[in-house]
Amino acid sequence: MSRVHDALRKAERSGTPSAGGAATSVATPASPDPTTLHGLLEQIGEVDWDPAEEGHLIDAEKPNQAPTEEFRSLRTRVNHLQGLQPLHTLVVTSPSPAEGKTFTAANLAVVQSHLQHNLTLLADFDFRRPTLHNLFKIDRSPGVTEYLQGKASLPEIIKRVKGTNLYLMPAGGAVLNPLELLNLKEVRVLLERLPTVFNWVILDTPPLLFAADANLLATMTDGTLLVVRLSQTTIDTVTRAIQGMSHNNVIGVVANGASRSELYSKYSYYQSYYYGKDDEGEGEGLQAETEDAVVEEKQDQR
């Protein structure tokens, strides 16, 4: 995997052409200068942890739920890859809509933030259909689009979830030209500098086959997680999504939508052994449509 990643990074440095049209005429992003980010954390405001119930976000107070264990497994795998190669900025996308990319991005960010000193930024780069602000019940604006248009500073668009290592960056107001906005050089500079403050920068992006945004952002980041939904995503759509990427840095595939019986049966013995029967039912309060994820690491292809 490391040899493949090094080759891709070398190709990127040599100048991979960006997708989309010419950049739109917008103002320079507001201060502070994104090349420094000095003192950024001290300027960021805080919000309470008050997630929307329909978002099915991981609850730190219910650590025995099977979905929590699945996302811990995903966290372990991506953290292992981070130890093998430069991996701090991560695009989370899917071939098509309604396959669970936002659910996966949000919960991966949440479980990453549970680790001590593991500062994690969850950023909504889906300017076409942003939803992260609804999941965490925060304001949509100011956000990324205001920053890129010079209408807000970086500390104004980032919020820390009080008492945690989780930071949120909403998408901002709607724009008519999202791809042109993403082609601004300030986007690449921002994504290069944010890892100097955050160990993980996780981007929720539009589906690959419905917009070029994720394709473009993949050329600016260290890795891509591809989310597929069992019994819905086809091999053809996955193949077309990956083949259409200008910079194939897919580090793994998240299989989403496992049935409750398949998933929870794995933990029946585990929970009864370690937590006792009184704790065994804690995960049963989730609705049947809750999406659970496991990751398969992409194997090195020679």
Protein backbone atom coordinates (compact mmCIF):
# COMPACT_ATOMS: atom_id res chain seq x y z
CA MET A 1 0.00 0.00 0.00
CA SER A 2 2.81 2.41 0.89
CA ARG A 3 4.48 1.96 -2.52
CA VAL A 4 1.21 2.68 -4.29
CA HIS A 5 0.58 5.73 -2.12
CA ASP A 6 4.13 7.09 -2.70
CA ALA A 7 3.70 6.74 -6.45
CA LEU A 8 0.35 8.52 -6.38
CA ARG A 9 1.72 11.33 -4.24
CA LYS A 10 4.65 11.74 -6.65
CA ALA A 11 2.22 11.98 -9.57
CA GLU A 12 0.18 14.57 -7.67
CA ARG A 13 3.24 16.74 -6.99
CA SER A 14 4.14 16.62 -10.66
CA GLY A 15 0.85 18.31 -11.45
CA THR A 16 -2.37 16.35 -11.75
CA PRO A 17 -4.94 18.45 -13.65
CA SER A 18 -7.97 19.51 -11.59
CA ALA A 19 -11.50 18.59 -12.57
CA GLY A 20 -14.10 21.19 -13.40
CA GLY A 21 -14.13 24.57 -15.04
CA ALA A 22 -12.28 27.77 -14.38
CA ALA A 23 -12.40 29.26 -10.90
CA THR A 24 -15.06 31.81 -10.25
CA SER A 25 -14.20 35.38 -9.29
CA VAL A 26 -14.55 35.51 -5.52
CA ALA A 27 -12.86 37.46 -2.77
CA THR A 28 -9.74 36.24 -1.00
CA PRO A 29 -10.54 34.21 2.14
CA ALA A 30 -10.64 36.27 5.30
CA SER A 31 -7.88 36.24 7.92
CA PRO A 32 -6.22 34.48 9.66
CA ASP A 33 -3.70 33.47 7.03
CA PRO A 34 -4.32 29.74 6.33
CA THR A 35 -0.58 29.19 5.83
CA THR A 36 0.03 29.58 9.57
CA LEU A 37 -3.09 28.68 11.61
CA HIS A 38 -1.17 29.87 14.67
CA GLY A 39 -3.47 30.17 17.67
CA LEU A 40 -6.47 28.83 15.76
CA LEU A 41 -7.80 26.59 18.54
CA GLU A 42 -7.85 29.44 21.04
CA GLN A 43 -10.16 31.44 18.76
CA ILE A 44 -12.73 28.71 18.10
CA GLY A 45 -16.14 28.80 19.77
CA GLU A 46 -17.89 25.82 21.35
CA VAL A 47 -21.23 24.08 20.87
CA ASP A 48 -23.01 21.52 23.02
CA TRP A 49 -23.21 17.83 22.13
CA ASP A 50 -26.83 17.61 21.05
CA PRO A 51 -27.03 15.32 18.00
CA ALA A 52 -30.23 14.71 16.08
CA GLU A 53 -31.77 11.39 17.07
CA GLU A 54 -32.37 10.42 13.44
CA GLY A 55 -28.66 10.78 12.72
CA HIS A 56 -27.78 7.61 14.69
CA LEU A 57 -24.49 9.07 15.90
CA ILE A 58 -22.29 7.07 18.25
CA ASP A 59 -23.05 7.73 21.91
CA ALA A 60 -19.97 7.67 24.15
CA GLU A 61 -22.21 6.78 27.10
CA LYS A 62 -23.32 3.55 25.39
CA PRO A 63 -19.99 1.90 24.52
CA ASN A 64 -21.40 -1.62 24.27
CA GLN A 65 -23.55 -1.06 21.21
CA ALA A 66 -22.54 -3.15 18.21
CA PRO A 67 -22.39 -0.14 15.84
CA THR A 68 -19.87 1.46 18.20
CA GLU A 69 -17.66 -1.60 17.97
CA GLU A 70 -17.86 -1.57 14.18
CA PHE A 71 -16.71 2.03 14.01
CA ARG A 72 -13.95 1.34 16.49
CA SER A 73 -12.79 -1.40 14.14
CA LEU A 74 -12.87 1.08 11.26
CA ARG A 75 -10.92 3.59 13.37
CA THR A 76 -8.29 0.97 14.20
CA ARG A 77 -7.78 0.13 10.55
CA VAL A 78 -7.41 3.70 9.30
CA ASN A 79 -5.15 4.58 12.24
CA HIS A 80 -2.98 1.61 11.34
CA LEU A 81 -2.70 2.92 7.80
CA GLN A 82 -1.82 6.36 9.18
CA GLY A 83 1.18 4.74 10.87
CA LEU A 84 2.37 3.37 7.53
CA GLN A 85 1.96 6.46 5.32
CA PRO A 86 1.08 10.16 5.47
CA LEU A 87 -2.66 10.04 6.12
CA HIS A 88 -4.38 12.95 7.83
CA THR A 89 -6.91 14.29 5.31
CA LEU A 90 -9.63 11.84 4.28
CA VAL A 91 -12.43 12.12 1.72
CA VAL A 92 -15.51 10.04 2.51
CA THR A 93 -17.72 9.47 -0.50
CA SER A 94 -19.85 6.87 -2.27
CA PRO A 95 -20.67 5.96 -5.86
CA SER A 96 -24.33 7.07 -5.57
CA PRO A 97 -26.62 8.89 -3.12
CA ALA A 98 -28.21 7.21 -0.06
CA GLU A 99 -25.39 4.76 0.54
CA GLY A 100 -24.38 6.10 3.97
CA LYS A 101 -21.36 8.32 3.33
CA THR A 102 -22.44 11.10 5.73
CA PHE A 103 -23.37 8.57 8.42
CA THR A 104 -19.95 6.95 8.03
CA ALA A 105 -17.98 10.22 7.96
CA ALA A 106 -19.74 11.57 11.04
CA ASN A 107 -19.39 8.44 13.16
CA LEU A 108 -15.78 7.86 12.14
CA ALA A 109 -15.02 11.42 13.25
CA VAL A 110 -16.89 10.87 16.53
CA VAL A 111 -14.99 7.69 17.46
CA GLN A 112 -11.68 9.25 16.43
CA SER A 113 -12.38 12.12 18.82
CA HIS A 114 -12.82 9.63 21.68
CA LEU A 115 -9.07 8.96 21.65
CA GLN A 116 -6.99 11.16 23.93
CA HIS A 117 -5.32 14.13 22.20
CA ASN A 118 -6.71 12.98 18.84
CA LEU A 119 -8.03 16.32 17.54
CA THR A 120 -10.50 15.55 14.75
CA LEU A 121 -12.13 17.98 12.31
CA LEU A 122 -15.30 16.91 10.50
CA ALA A 123 -15.86 19.19 7.50
CA ASP A 124 -18.90 19.34 5.25
CA PHE A 125 -17.66 19.77 1.68
CA ASP A 126 -20.95 18.66 0.16
CA PHE A 127 -22.03 22.14 -0.92
CA ARG A 128 -24.82 20.67 -3.05
CA ARG A 129 -26.67 18.84 -0.28
CA PRO A 130 -25.06 19.56 3.10
CA THR A 131 -26.42 17.70 6.13
CA LEU A 132 -23.80 17.74 8.89
CA HIS A 133 -25.22 20.89 10.44
CA ASN A 134 -28.54 19.06 10.84
CA LEU A 135 -26.91 16.01 12.44
CA PHE A 136 -25.19 18.11 15.09
CA LYS A 137 -27.87 20.82 15.35
CA ILE A 138 -25.55 23.71 14.58
CA ASP A 139 -25.87 26.67 12.22
CA ARG A 140 -25.18 25.98 8.56
CA SER A 141 -23.56 29.41 8.15
CA PRO A 142 -20.98 30.73 8.39
CA GLY A 143 -19.21 27.77 6.83
CA VAL A 144 -16.74 26.72 4.17
CA THR A 145 -18.41 28.63 1.35
CA GLU A 146 -18.33 31.90 3.32
CA TYR A 147 -14.66 31.35 4.11
CA LEU A 148 -13.74 30.72 0.48
CA GLN A 149 -15.65 33.82 -0.60
CA GLY A 150 -13.86 35.98 1.98
CA LYS A 151 -17.00 36.55 4.07
CA ALA A 152 -15.82 34.76 7.22
CA SER A 153 -12.57 33.90 8.94
CA LEU A 154 -11.41 30.37 9.72
CA PRO A 155 -12.11 30.59 13.50
CA GLU A 156 -15.65 31.76 12.69
CA ILE A 157 -16.53 28.66 10.67
CA ILE A 158 -15.14 25.98 13.03
CA LYS A 159 -16.89 24.92 16.22
CA ARG A 160 -15.63 22.61 18.94
CA VAL A 161 -18.03 20.16 20.54
CA LYS A 162 -17.73 21.12 24.20
CA GLY A 163 -15.59 18.78 26.29
CA THR A 164 -14.42 16.67 23.33
CA ASN A 165 -11.72 16.48 20.66
CA LEU A 166 -14.33 16.86 17.91
CA TYR A 167 -14.43 20.01 15.77
CA LEU A 168 -17.09 20.77 13.16
CA MET A 169 -16.92 22.81 9.96
CA PRO A 170 -20.35 23.25 8.29
CA ALA A 171 -20.73 23.73 4.56
CA GLY A 172 -22.08 27.28 4.65
CA GLY A 173 -24.65 28.93 2.46
CA ALA A 174 -25.69 27.59 -0.91
CA VAL A 175 -23.64 28.61 -3.96
CA LEU A 176 -24.41 28.38 -7.66
CA ASN A 177 -20.90 27.25 -8.58
CA PRO A 178 -19.62 24.69 -6.02
CA LEU A 179 -17.07 23.09 -8.34
CA GLU A 180 -15.58 26.43 -9.35
CA LEU A 181 -15.30 27.35 -5.66
CA LEU A 182 -13.47 24.09 -4.93
CA ASN A 183 -11.01 24.84 -7.73
CA LEU A 184 -9.70 27.88 -5.85
CA LYS A 185 -6.07 27.48 -4.78
CA GLU A 186 -7.12 28.40 -1.25
CA VAL A 187 -8.89 25.04 -0.93
CA ARG A 188 -5.67 23.11 -1.50
CA VAL A 189 -3.73 25.41 0.82
CA LEU A 190 -6.36 25.00 3.53
CA LEU A 191 -6.34 21.20 3.28
CA GLU A 192 -2.55 21.17 3.43
CA ARG A 193 -2.44 23.36 6.56
CA LEU A 194 -5.31 21.95 8.64
CA PRO A 195 -3.31 18.77 9.53
CA THR A 196 -0.80 21.01 11.33
CA VAL A 197 -3.55 21.49 13.93
CA PHE A 198 -5.77 18.40 13.59
CA ASN A 199 -4.63 14.78 13.47
CA TRP A 200 -7.66 13.90 11.31
CA VAL A 201 -9.50 16.07 8.81
CA ILE A 202 -12.51 14.10 7.54
CA LEU A 203 -14.44 15.49 4.56
CA ASP A 204 -18.03 14.56 3.74
CA THR A 205 -18.37 15.01 -0.04
CA PRO A 206 -20.95 14.42 -2.81
CA PRO A 207 -21.22 11.00 -4.52
CA LEU A 208 -18.62 10.32 -7.20
CA LEU A 209 -21.01 9.49 -10.04
CA PHE A 210 -23.27 12.52 -9.51
CA ALA A 211 -20.74 15.36 -9.19
CA ALA A 212 -17.03 15.94 -9.79
CA ASP A 213 -16.50 17.50 -6.36
CA ALA A 214 -15.24 14.38 -4.56
CA ASN A 215 -13.02 13.52 -7.52
CA LEU A 216 -11.41 16.95 -7.29
CA LEU A 217 -11.04 16.86 -3.50
CA ALA A 218 -9.41 13.43 -3.70
CA THR A 219 -6.52 15.04 -5.60
CA MET A 220 -5.93 17.35 -2.61
CA THR A 221 -6.18 14.81 0.21
CA ASP A 222 -4.22 11.82 1.51
CA GLY A 223 -6.88 9.15 1.12
CA THR A 224 -10.45 8.26 0.17
CA LEU A 225 -12.93 5.97 1.87
CA LEU A 226 -15.57 4.57 -0.48
CA VAL A 227 -18.90 3.73 1.16
CA VAL A 228 -21.15 1.12 -0.46
CA ARG A 229 -24.52 -0.18 0.68
CA LEU A 230 -25.17 -3.89 0.78
CA SER A 231 -28.01 -5.07 -1.48
CA GLN A 232 -28.06 -1.68 -3.22
CA THR A 233 -24.66 -0.73 -4.61
CA THR A 234 -23.66 -2.71 -7.69
CA ILE A 235 -20.23 -3.84 -8.81
CA ASP A 236 -20.69 -1.77 -11.97
CA THR A 237 -21.22 1.49 -10.06
CA VAL A 238 -18.21 0.82 -7.82
CA THR A 239 -16.04 0.08 -10.86
CA ARG A 240 -17.17 3.20 -12.69
CA ALA A 241 -16.69 5.35 -9.58
CA ILE A 242 -13.10 4.21 -9.02
CA GLN A 243 -12.13 4.24 -12.69
CA GLY A 244 -13.44 7.79 -13.00
CA MET A 245 -11.16 9.11 -10.26
CA SER A 246 -8.36 11.37 -11.45
CA HIS A 247 -6.27 10.42 -8.42
CA ASN A 248 -7.10 6.95 -7.13
CA ASN A 249 -6.12 7.09 -3.46
CA VAL A 250 -8.87 4.80 -2.17
CA ILE A 251 -7.61 3.23 1.06
CA GLY A 252 -10.64 1.09 1.77
CA VAL A 253 -14.28 0.26 1.20
CA VAL A 254 -16.92 0.52 3.93
CA ALA A 255 -19.72 -2.03 3.58
CA ASN A 256 -22.81 -0.31 4.96
CA GLY A 257 -26.31 -1.53 5.80
CA ALA A 258 -25.62 -4.90 7.43
CA SER A 259 -28.72 -6.48 8.97
CA ARG A 260 -29.13 -6.28 12.72
CA SER A 261 -29.21 -10.06 13.11
CA GLU A 262 -25.96 -10.51 11.16
CA LEU A 263 -24.16 -7.78 13.05
CA TYR A 264 -25.36 -8.31 16.59
CA SER A 265 -24.94 -12.08 16.53
CA LYS A 266 -21.18 -11.52 16.44
CA TYR A 267 -21.33 -9.77 19.80
CA SER A 268 -23.73 -11.99 21.75
CA TYR A 269 -20.91 -14.02 23.33
CA TYR A 270 -18.54 -11.06 23.52
CA GLN A 271 -21.01 -8.86 25.41
CA SER A 272 -22.21 -11.58 27.77
CA TYR A 273 -18.60 -12.49 28.62
CA TYR A 274 -17.24 -9.00 29.22
CA TYR A 275 -20.28 -6.95 30.20
CA GLY A 276 -22.76 -9.47 31.57
CA LYS A 277 -26.34 -10.07 30.58
CA ASP A 278 -27.53 -6.78 32.03
CA ASP A 279 -25.55 -4.88 29.40
CA GLU A 280 -26.29 -7.20 26.51
CA GLY A 281 -29.41 -5.39 25.41
CA GLU A 282 -27.94 -1.90 25.27
CA GLY A 283 -27.56 -1.96 21.52
CA GLU A 284 -31.12 -3.01 20.85
CA GLY A 285 -32.59 0.48 21.11
CA LEU A 286 -31.39 1.46 17.65
CA GLN A 287 -33.97 1.47 14.88
CA ALA A 288 -33.91 -1.30 12.31
CA GLU A 289 -32.68 1.03 9.58
CA THR A 290 -29.54 1.95 11.53
CA GLU A 291 -26.55 1.65 9.23
CA ASP A 292 -23.55 -0.33 10.50
CA ALA A 293 -20.17 -0.31 8.84
CA VAL A 294 -17.18 -2.56 8.39
CA VAL A 295 -14.14 -1.72 6.30
CA GLU A 296 -12.14 -3.83 3.93
CA GLU A 297 -8.67 -2.44 3.36
CA LYS A 298 -7.60 -2.07 -0.22
CA GLN A 299 -4.89 -4.59 -0.98
CA ASP A 300 -1.64 -3.60 -2.63
CA GLN A 301 -1.95 -4.28 -6.34
CA ARG A 302 1.29 -4.91 -8.12
